[in-house]
Amino acid sequence: MKEHLLKLLSRNAALSVDDMAARLDSTPDAIRQALAELLADRAIAGYKAIIADDRLDSHEVQALIEVKVTPRRDGGFDQTAKRIARFAEVTDLCLVSGGFDLLVTVRGESLREVAAFVSEKLATIDGVLSTATSFQLKKYKESGRMLEMDEHYERLQVCP
């Protein structure tokens, strides 16, 4: 049941315990117990609302930073990643394949603040070889959800 509960929560974490129980053919008490266990095991690390950026009265900027690092002998990329993750500015961090090693998402009050973070904190970490920063201009979709509700889908014309 826990796997089904996790899938259900990943689609809509705002469901009530009663709704989850009904959808999973269980009882509210069993759902509460499963949720408590999943939280204790850190299978659920938290809950997040998906909010369109234009709905917030904030001028924060978000940047995606590609980071190339030198892997450590006894820790691979983990040691450097853990060090980067400790910074409050970092909201997301993952190891990726391709032309760089880590993808870091950073939030700041201004472009200048993010640039200072990159040059003064991130780039100075031992093992960081290079960074490439892109600033998010507009978000269209997050976690599988469209953020603009005025979209109009038209059926594509079939051409012979």
N, C-alpha and C. Protein backbone atom coordinates (compact mmCIF):
# COMPACT_ATOMS: atom_id res chain seq x y z
N MET A 1 0.81 -1.19 0.00
CA MET A 1 0.00 0.00 0.00
C MET A 1 0.86 1.27 0.00
N LYS A 2 2.03 1.23 0.63
CA LYS A 2 2.85 2.43 0.74
C LYS A 2 3.27 2.96 -0.63
N GLU A 3 3.61 2.05 -1.54
CA GLU A 3 4.00 2.48 -2.89
C GLU A 3 2.85 3.18 -3.59
N HIS A 4 1.65 2.64 -3.47
CA HIS A 4 0.47 3.26 -4.08
C HIS A 4 0.18 4.62 -3.42
N LEU A 5 0.39 4.70 -2.13
CA LEU A 5 0.19 5.96 -1.41
C LEU A 5 1.18 7.01 -1.89
N LEU A 6 2.43 6.62 -2.07
CA LEU A 6 3.44 7.56 -2.57
C LEU A 6 3.08 8.05 -3.97
N LYS A 7 2.63 7.16 -4.83
CA LYS A 7 2.23 7.57 -6.19
C LYS A 7 1.05 8.54 -6.14
N LEU A 8 0.11 8.26 -5.28
CA LEU A 8 -1.05 9.12 -5.13
C LEU A 8 -0.63 10.51 -4.64
N LEU A 9 0.24 10.55 -3.64
CA LEU A 9 0.72 11.83 -3.11
C LEU A 9 1.55 12.60 -4.13
N SER A 10 2.30 11.89 -4.97
CA SER A 10 3.13 12.58 -5.96
C SER A 10 2.26 13.29 -7.00
N ARG A 11 1.04 12.80 -7.20
CA ARG A 11 0.11 13.44 -8.13
C ARG A 11 -0.69 14.56 -7.47
N ASN A 12 -1.03 14.38 -6.18
CA ASN A 12 -1.84 15.38 -5.50
C ASN A 12 -1.68 15.22 -3.99
N ALA A 13 -0.79 15.99 -3.40
CA ALA A 13 -0.52 15.90 -1.97
C ALA A 13 -1.56 16.63 -1.14
N ALA A 14 -2.54 17.27 -1.79
CA ALA A 14 -3.56 18.02 -1.05
C ALA A 14 -4.79 17.17 -0.74
N LEU A 15 -4.77 15.90 -1.11
CA LEU A 15 -5.91 15.03 -0.81
C LEU A 15 -6.04 14.83 0.70
N SER A 16 -7.26 14.73 1.15
CA SER A 16 -7.48 14.45 2.57
C SER A 16 -7.18 12.97 2.84
N VAL A 17 -6.99 12.65 4.09
CA VAL A 17 -6.75 11.27 4.49
C VAL A 17 -7.94 10.40 4.08
N ASP A 18 -9.15 10.93 4.24
CA ASP A 18 -10.35 10.18 3.85
C ASP A 18 -10.36 9.90 2.35
N ASP A 19 -9.99 10.89 1.54
CA ASP A 19 -9.93 10.68 0.08
C ASP A 19 -8.88 9.64 -0.28
N MET A 20 -7.72 9.71 0.36
CA MET A 20 -6.67 8.73 0.08
C MET A 20 -7.15 7.33 0.46
N ALA A 21 -7.79 7.22 1.59
CA ALA A 21 -8.29 5.91 2.04
C ALA A 21 -9.31 5.35 1.04
N ALA A 22 -10.20 6.19 0.56
CA ALA A 22 -11.21 5.74 -0.40
C ALA A 22 -10.56 5.31 -1.72
N ARG A 23 -9.60 6.07 -2.18
CA ARG A 23 -8.94 5.74 -3.45
C ARG A 23 -8.08 4.49 -3.36
N LEU A 24 -7.57 4.22 -2.17
CA LEU A 24 -6.68 3.06 -2.00
C LEU A 24 -7.40 1.89 -1.33
N ASP A 25 -8.71 1.99 -1.19
CA ASP A 25 -9.52 0.93 -0.58
C ASP A 25 -8.94 0.55 0.79
N SER A 26 -8.77 1.56 1.62
CA SER A 26 -8.18 1.37 2.94
C SER A 26 -8.99 2.17 3.96
N THR A 27 -8.46 2.27 5.16
CA THR A 27 -9.11 3.06 6.20
C THR A 27 -8.28 4.30 6.49
N PRO A 28 -8.92 5.37 6.98
CA PRO A 28 -8.16 6.56 7.35
C PRO A 28 -7.06 6.27 8.38
N ASP A 29 -7.34 5.40 9.34
CA ASP A 29 -6.31 5.07 10.34
C ASP A 29 -5.11 4.38 9.70
N ALA A 30 -5.36 3.49 8.76
CA ALA A 30 -4.26 2.80 8.07
C ALA A 30 -3.44 3.80 7.24
N ILE A 31 -4.12 4.76 6.64
CA ILE A 31 -3.42 5.79 5.85
C ILE A 31 -2.58 6.67 6.77
N ARG A 32 -3.14 7.08 7.90
CA ARG A 32 -2.37 7.90 8.85
C ARG A 32 -1.13 7.16 9.34
N GLN A 33 -1.27 5.88 9.62
CA GLN A 33 -0.14 5.07 10.07
C GLN A 33 0.92 4.96 8.97
N ALA A 34 0.48 4.71 7.74
CA ALA A 34 1.42 4.60 6.62
C ALA A 34 2.13 5.93 6.38
N LEU A 35 1.40 7.04 6.46
CA LEU A 35 2.02 8.36 6.29
C LEU A 35 3.06 8.62 7.38
N ALA A 36 2.75 8.28 8.61
CA ALA A 36 3.70 8.46 9.71
C ALA A 36 4.97 7.66 9.47
N GLU A 37 4.81 6.42 9.01
CA GLU A 37 5.98 5.57 8.73
C GLU A 37 6.80 6.12 7.56
N LEU A 38 6.12 6.59 6.51
CA LEU A 38 6.82 7.14 5.34
C LEU A 38 7.57 8.42 5.70
N LEU A 39 6.99 9.22 6.57
CA LEU A 39 7.67 10.43 7.03
C LEU A 39 8.87 10.07 7.91
N ALA A 40 8.71 9.11 8.80
CA ALA A 40 9.80 8.68 9.68
C ALA A 40 10.96 8.08 8.88
N ASP A 41 10.64 7.36 7.81
CA ASP A 41 11.66 6.74 6.96
C ASP A 41 12.25 7.72 5.94
N ARG A 42 11.72 8.94 5.91
CA ARG A 42 12.13 9.97 4.94
C ARG A 42 11.82 9.59 3.50
N ALA A 43 10.90 8.65 3.30
CA ALA A 43 10.41 8.37 1.95
C ALA A 43 9.62 9.58 1.47
N ILE A 44 8.96 10.25 2.41
CA ILE A 44 8.33 11.54 2.14
C ILE A 44 9.20 12.58 2.84
N ALA A 45 9.85 13.43 2.05
CA ALA A 45 10.76 14.42 2.61
C ALA A 45 10.05 15.74 2.89
N GLY A 46 8.84 15.91 2.39
CA GLY A 46 8.09 17.14 2.60
C GLY A 46 6.96 17.22 1.60
N TYR A 47 6.19 18.28 1.69
CA TYR A 47 5.08 18.52 0.78
C TYR A 47 5.29 19.88 0.14
N LYS A 48 4.84 20.02 -1.11
CA LYS A 48 5.08 21.27 -1.82
C LYS A 48 3.85 21.64 -2.64
N ALA A 49 3.47 22.91 -2.56
CA ALA A 49 2.42 23.43 -3.43
C ALA A 49 3.09 23.95 -4.70
N ILE A 50 2.46 23.72 -5.83
CA ILE A 50 2.96 24.24 -7.10
C ILE A 50 2.25 25.56 -7.35
N ILE A 51 2.99 26.65 -7.32
CA ILE A 51 2.41 27.99 -7.40
C ILE A 51 3.01 28.71 -8.59
N ALA A 52 2.16 29.29 -9.42
CA ALA A 52 2.64 30.07 -10.56
C ALA A 52 3.41 31.28 -10.03
N ASP A 53 4.61 31.50 -10.58
CA ASP A 53 5.47 32.58 -10.10
C ASP A 53 4.79 33.95 -10.16
N ASP A 54 3.93 34.18 -11.15
CA ASP A 54 3.29 35.49 -11.27
C ASP A 54 2.23 35.72 -10.20
N ARG A 55 1.89 34.70 -9.42
CA ARG A 55 0.91 34.85 -8.35
C ARG A 55 1.55 35.29 -7.04
N LEU A 56 2.86 35.23 -6.98
CA LEU A 56 3.58 35.64 -5.77
C LEU A 56 4.05 37.08 -5.91
N ASP A 57 3.95 37.83 -4.85
CA ASP A 57 4.44 39.21 -4.87
C ASP A 57 5.91 39.19 -4.49
N SER A 58 6.71 38.65 -5.40
CA SER A 58 8.13 38.48 -5.13
C SER A 58 8.92 38.80 -6.39
N HIS A 59 10.09 39.34 -6.20
CA HIS A 59 10.95 39.64 -7.35
C HIS A 59 12.18 38.74 -7.34
N GLU A 60 12.05 37.61 -6.68
CA GLU A 60 13.15 36.66 -6.64
C GLU A 60 13.48 36.18 -8.05
N VAL A 61 14.74 35.84 -8.24
CA VAL A 61 15.16 35.23 -9.49
C VAL A 61 15.61 33.81 -9.20
N GLN A 62 15.48 32.97 -10.20
CA GLN A 62 15.91 31.59 -10.07
C GLN A 62 16.92 31.32 -11.17
N ALA A 63 17.98 30.62 -10.81
CA ALA A 63 19.02 30.29 -11.78
C ALA A 63 19.28 28.79 -11.77
N LEU A 64 19.58 28.27 -12.94
CA LEU A 64 20.02 26.89 -13.10
C LEU A 64 21.50 26.95 -13.39
N ILE A 65 22.28 26.27 -12.58
CA ILE A 65 23.74 26.34 -12.71
C ILE A 65 24.29 24.96 -13.00
N GLU A 66 24.98 24.85 -14.13
CA GLU A 66 25.66 23.61 -14.49
C GLU A 66 27.04 23.66 -13.86
N VAL A 67 27.41 22.59 -13.17
CA VAL A 67 28.68 22.58 -12.45
C VAL A 67 29.48 21.35 -12.86
N LYS A 68 30.73 21.59 -13.26
CA LYS A 68 31.66 20.48 -13.51
C LYS A 68 32.55 20.37 -12.29
N VAL A 69 32.72 19.16 -11.79
CA VAL A 69 33.54 18.95 -10.60
C VAL A 69 34.52 17.81 -10.80
N THR A 70 35.55 17.80 -9.98
CA THR A 70 36.49 16.69 -9.94
C THR A 70 35.99 15.71 -8.90
N PRO A 71 35.73 14.46 -9.29
CA PRO A 71 35.26 13.49 -8.29
C PRO A 71 36.34 13.20 -7.25
N ARG A 72 35.91 12.97 -6.04
CA ARG A 72 36.83 12.64 -4.94
C ARG A 72 37.10 11.15 -4.92
N ARG A 73 38.27 10.79 -4.44
CA ARG A 73 38.69 9.39 -4.42
C ARG A 73 37.72 8.51 -3.65
N ASP A 74 37.34 8.90 -2.45
CA ASP A 74 36.49 8.04 -1.63
C ASP A 74 35.05 8.55 -1.51
N GLY A 75 34.65 9.45 -2.40
CA GLY A 75 33.29 9.96 -2.28
C GLY A 75 32.66 10.30 -3.59
N GLY A 76 33.38 10.10 -4.69
CA GLY A 76 32.82 10.45 -5.98
C GLY A 76 32.42 11.92 -6.00
N PHE A 77 31.20 12.17 -6.45
CA PHE A 77 30.69 13.53 -6.50
C PHE A 77 29.95 13.91 -5.22
N ASP A 78 29.71 12.94 -4.35
CA ASP A 78 28.87 13.16 -3.17
C ASP A 78 29.42 14.22 -2.22
N GLN A 79 30.72 14.22 -1.97
CA GLN A 79 31.28 15.18 -1.02
C GLN A 79 31.06 16.61 -1.48
N THR A 80 31.33 16.86 -2.76
CA THR A 80 31.14 18.20 -3.29
C THR A 80 29.66 18.56 -3.31
N ALA A 81 28.82 17.62 -3.70
CA ALA A 81 27.37 17.87 -3.74
C ALA A 81 26.84 18.19 -2.35
N LYS A 82 27.27 17.46 -1.34
CA LYS A 82 26.81 17.72 0.03
C LYS A 82 27.24 19.10 0.50
N ARG A 83 28.43 19.51 0.10
CA ARG A 83 28.90 20.84 0.50
C ARG A 83 28.07 21.93 -0.17
N ILE A 84 27.78 21.75 -1.46
CA ILE A 84 26.96 22.72 -2.19
C ILE A 84 25.55 22.77 -1.60
N ALA A 85 25.00 21.62 -1.26
CA ALA A 85 23.63 21.54 -0.75
C ALA A 85 23.44 22.30 0.56
N ARG A 86 24.49 22.53 1.30
CA ARG A 86 24.38 23.23 2.59
C ARG A 86 24.06 24.71 2.45
N PHE A 87 24.29 25.29 1.28
CA PHE A 87 24.03 26.72 1.09
C PHE A 87 22.52 26.98 1.06
N ALA A 88 22.09 27.99 1.78
CA ALA A 88 20.66 28.33 1.85
C ALA A 88 20.11 28.74 0.49
N GLU A 89 20.93 29.28 -0.37
CA GLU A 89 20.48 29.73 -1.69
C GLU A 89 20.10 28.57 -2.60
N VAL A 90 20.63 27.38 -2.33
CA VAL A 90 20.41 26.20 -3.18
C VAL A 90 19.06 25.59 -2.83
N THR A 91 18.17 25.50 -3.84
CA THR A 91 16.86 24.90 -3.61
C THR A 91 16.80 23.47 -4.12
N ASP A 92 17.55 23.16 -5.17
CA ASP A 92 17.57 21.81 -5.74
C ASP A 92 18.98 21.51 -6.22
N LEU A 93 19.35 20.24 -6.16
CA LEU A 93 20.69 19.82 -6.58
C LEU A 93 20.63 18.37 -7.01
N CYS A 94 21.15 18.09 -8.19
CA CYS A 94 21.15 16.69 -8.63
C CYS A 94 22.38 16.39 -9.48
N LEU A 95 22.79 15.13 -9.42
CA LEU A 95 23.85 14.60 -10.26
C LEU A 95 23.22 14.25 -11.60
N VAL A 96 23.86 14.66 -12.69
CA VAL A 96 23.30 14.43 -14.02
C VAL A 96 24.36 13.84 -14.94
N SER A 97 23.91 13.27 -16.03
CA SER A 97 24.83 12.79 -17.05
C SER A 97 24.94 13.87 -18.12
N GLY A 98 26.00 13.79 -18.92
CA GLY A 98 26.15 14.75 -20.00
C GLY A 98 27.42 15.57 -19.86
N GLY A 99 27.36 16.80 -20.32
CA GLY A 99 28.52 17.66 -20.37
C GLY A 99 28.93 18.28 -19.05
N PHE A 100 28.13 18.13 -18.03
CA PHE A 100 28.48 18.63 -16.69
C PHE A 100 28.02 17.60 -15.68
N ASP A 101 28.37 17.80 -14.42
CA ASP A 101 28.13 16.77 -13.40
C ASP A 101 26.95 17.06 -12.49
N LEU A 102 26.81 18.29 -12.07
CA LEU A 102 25.75 18.66 -11.12
C LEU A 102 24.89 19.77 -11.72
N LEU A 103 23.60 19.70 -11.45
CA LEU A 103 22.70 20.78 -11.82
C LEU A 103 22.17 21.37 -10.52
N VAL A 104 22.45 22.64 -10.32
CA VAL A 104 22.10 23.33 -9.08
C VAL A 104 21.05 24.39 -9.38
N THR A 105 19.97 24.40 -8.62
CA THR A 105 18.96 25.44 -8.74
C THR A 105 19.12 26.37 -7.55
N VAL A 106 19.20 27.66 -7.85
CA VAL A 106 19.46 28.67 -6.83
C VAL A 106 18.41 29.77 -6.92
N ARG A 107 17.97 30.27 -5.78
CA ARG A 107 17.07 31.42 -5.72
C ARG A 107 17.79 32.57 -5.03
N GLY A 108 17.53 33.77 -5.53
CA GLY A 108 18.11 34.96 -4.92
C GLY A 108 17.20 36.15 -5.13
N GLU A 109 17.50 37.24 -4.42
CA GLU A 109 16.69 38.46 -4.53
C GLU A 109 16.95 39.23 -5.81
N SER A 110 18.10 38.98 -6.45
CA SER A 110 18.44 39.71 -7.68
C SER A 110 19.46 38.92 -8.49
N LEU A 111 19.65 39.34 -9.73
CA LEU A 111 20.69 38.73 -10.57
C LEU A 111 22.05 38.89 -9.91
N ARG A 112 22.28 40.05 -9.35
CA ARG A 112 23.57 40.35 -8.71
C ARG A 112 23.80 39.41 -7.51
N GLU A 113 22.76 39.13 -6.73
CA GLU A 113 22.90 38.24 -5.58
C GLU A 113 23.26 36.82 -6.02
N VAL A 114 22.61 36.34 -7.07
CA VAL A 114 22.93 35.00 -7.59
C VAL A 114 24.34 34.98 -8.16
N ALA A 115 24.71 36.03 -8.88
CA ALA A 115 26.07 36.10 -9.45
C ALA A 115 27.11 36.09 -8.34
N ALA A 116 26.84 36.80 -7.24
CA ALA A 116 27.77 36.81 -6.10
C ALA A 116 27.86 35.42 -5.48
N PHE A 117 26.73 34.73 -5.37
CA PHE A 117 26.75 33.37 -4.85
C PHE A 117 27.66 32.48 -5.69
N VAL A 118 27.50 32.57 -7.01
CA VAL A 118 28.30 31.72 -7.91
C VAL A 118 29.78 32.05 -7.79
N SER A 119 30.13 33.33 -7.85
CA SER A 119 31.54 33.70 -7.86
C SER A 119 32.22 33.61 -6.49
N GLU A 120 31.50 33.90 -5.42
CA GLU A 120 32.11 33.94 -4.10
C GLU A 120 31.99 32.64 -3.31
N LYS A 121 30.94 31.88 -3.57
CA LYS A 121 30.72 30.67 -2.79
C LYS A 121 30.90 29.40 -3.62
N LEU A 122 30.15 29.29 -4.71
CA LEU A 122 30.14 28.05 -5.48
C LEU A 122 31.46 27.80 -6.20
N ALA A 123 31.94 28.78 -6.93
CA ALA A 123 33.15 28.60 -7.74
C ALA A 123 34.41 28.43 -6.89
N THR A 124 34.35 28.83 -5.63
CA THR A 124 35.54 28.73 -4.78
C THR A 124 35.65 27.39 -4.05
N ILE A 125 34.66 26.53 -4.21
CA ILE A 125 34.69 25.22 -3.55
C ILE A 125 35.77 24.36 -4.20
N ASP A 126 36.59 23.74 -3.38
CA ASP A 126 37.63 22.85 -3.87
C ASP A 126 37.00 21.72 -4.68
N GLY A 127 37.44 21.55 -5.89
CA GLY A 127 36.91 20.49 -6.75
C GLY A 127 35.95 21.00 -7.82
N VAL A 128 35.45 22.22 -7.67
CA VAL A 128 34.59 22.80 -8.70
C VAL A 128 35.48 23.32 -9.82
N LEU A 129 35.31 22.75 -11.01
CA LEU A 129 36.14 23.11 -12.16
C LEU A 129 35.55 24.28 -12.95
N SER A 130 34.23 24.27 -13.15
CA SER A 130 33.60 25.35 -13.91
C SER A 130 32.11 25.38 -13.62
N THR A 131 31.52 26.53 -13.93
CA THR A 131 30.08 26.71 -13.78
C THR A 131 29.54 27.41 -15.02
N ALA A 132 28.29 27.17 -15.32
CA ALA A 132 27.57 27.89 -16.38
C ALA A 132 26.18 28.19 -15.82
N THR A 133 25.83 29.47 -15.77
CA THR A 133 24.59 29.91 -15.15
C THR A 133 23.58 30.37 -16.18
N SER A 134 22.35 29.87 -16.05
CA SER A 134 21.23 30.32 -16.86
C SER A 134 20.14 30.80 -15.91
N PHE A 135 19.56 31.96 -16.22
CA PHE A 135 18.50 32.49 -15.38
C PHE A 135 17.15 32.10 -15.95
N GLN A 136 16.27 31.67 -15.06
CA GLN A 136 14.92 31.30 -15.46
C GLN A 136 14.15 32.57 -15.77
N LEU A 137 13.58 32.63 -16.97
CA LEU A 137 12.82 33.80 -17.37
C LEU A 137 11.32 33.62 -17.17
N LYS A 138 10.83 32.43 -17.50
CA LYS A 138 9.40 32.14 -17.34
C LYS A 138 9.23 30.64 -17.20
N LYS A 139 8.36 30.24 -16.30
CA LYS A 139 8.10 28.82 -16.09
C LYS A 139 6.72 28.50 -16.68
N TYR A 140 6.69 27.49 -17.55
CA TYR A 140 5.44 27.09 -18.19
C TYR A 140 4.80 25.87 -17.53
N LYS A 141 5.65 24.99 -17.02
CA LYS A 141 5.16 23.73 -16.46
C LYS A 141 6.06 23.33 -15.31
N GLU A 142 5.46 22.81 -14.24
CA GLU A 142 6.23 22.34 -13.10
C GLU A 142 5.60 21.07 -12.55
N SER A 143 6.43 20.07 -12.33
CA SER A 143 5.98 18.80 -11.77
C SER A 143 4.77 18.24 -12.52
N GLY A 144 4.79 18.36 -13.84
CA GLY A 144 3.73 17.81 -14.66
C GLY A 144 2.48 18.67 -14.75
N ARG A 145 2.51 19.85 -14.16
CA ARG A 145 1.33 20.73 -14.14
C ARG A 145 1.60 21.99 -14.97
N MET A 146 0.66 22.31 -15.87
CA MET A 146 0.72 23.56 -16.62
C MET A 146 0.46 24.71 -15.64
N LEU A 147 1.21 25.78 -15.77
CA LEU A 147 1.05 26.91 -14.85
C LEU A 147 0.15 28.00 -15.42
N GLU A 148 -0.06 28.01 -16.72
CA GLU A 148 -0.96 28.98 -17.33
C GLU A 148 -2.26 28.28 -17.66
N MET A 149 -3.34 28.77 -17.14
CA MET A 149 -4.62 28.09 -17.31
C MET A 149 -5.40 28.56 -18.52
N ASP A 150 -4.92 29.56 -19.24
CA ASP A 150 -5.67 30.07 -20.38
C ASP A 150 -5.30 29.39 -21.69
N GLU A 151 -4.66 28.25 -21.58
CA GLU A 151 -4.23 27.54 -22.78
C GLU A 151 -5.42 27.01 -23.56
N HIS A 152 -5.29 27.02 -24.87
CA HIS A 152 -6.34 26.54 -25.74
C HIS A 152 -5.73 25.52 -26.68
N TYR A 153 -6.19 24.30 -26.59
CA TYR A 153 -5.66 23.26 -27.44
C TYR A 153 -6.52 23.13 -28.70
N GLU A 154 -5.88 23.13 -29.82
CA GLU A 154 -6.58 22.88 -31.07
C GLU A 154 -6.04 21.60 -31.66
N ARG A 155 -6.92 20.88 -32.28
CA ARG A 155 -6.51 19.66 -32.93
C ARG A 155 -5.67 20.01 -34.14
N LEU A 156 -4.54 19.33 -34.29
CA LEU A 156 -3.68 19.58 -35.44
C LEU A 156 -4.35 19.12 -36.72
N GLN A 157 -4.18 19.91 -37.76
CA GLN A 157 -4.72 19.55 -39.08
C GLN A 157 -3.92 18.39 -39.64
N VAL A 158 -4.62 17.48 -40.25
CA VAL A 158 -3.96 16.36 -40.92
C VAL A 158 -3.75 16.76 -42.37
N CYS A 159 -2.53 16.78 -42.79
CA CYS A 159 -2.22 17.16 -44.17
C CYS A 159 -1.86 15.92 -44.97
N PRO A 160 -2.36 15.82 -46.22
CA PRO A 160 -2.04 14.63 -47.02
C PRO A 160 -0.59 14.64 -47.47
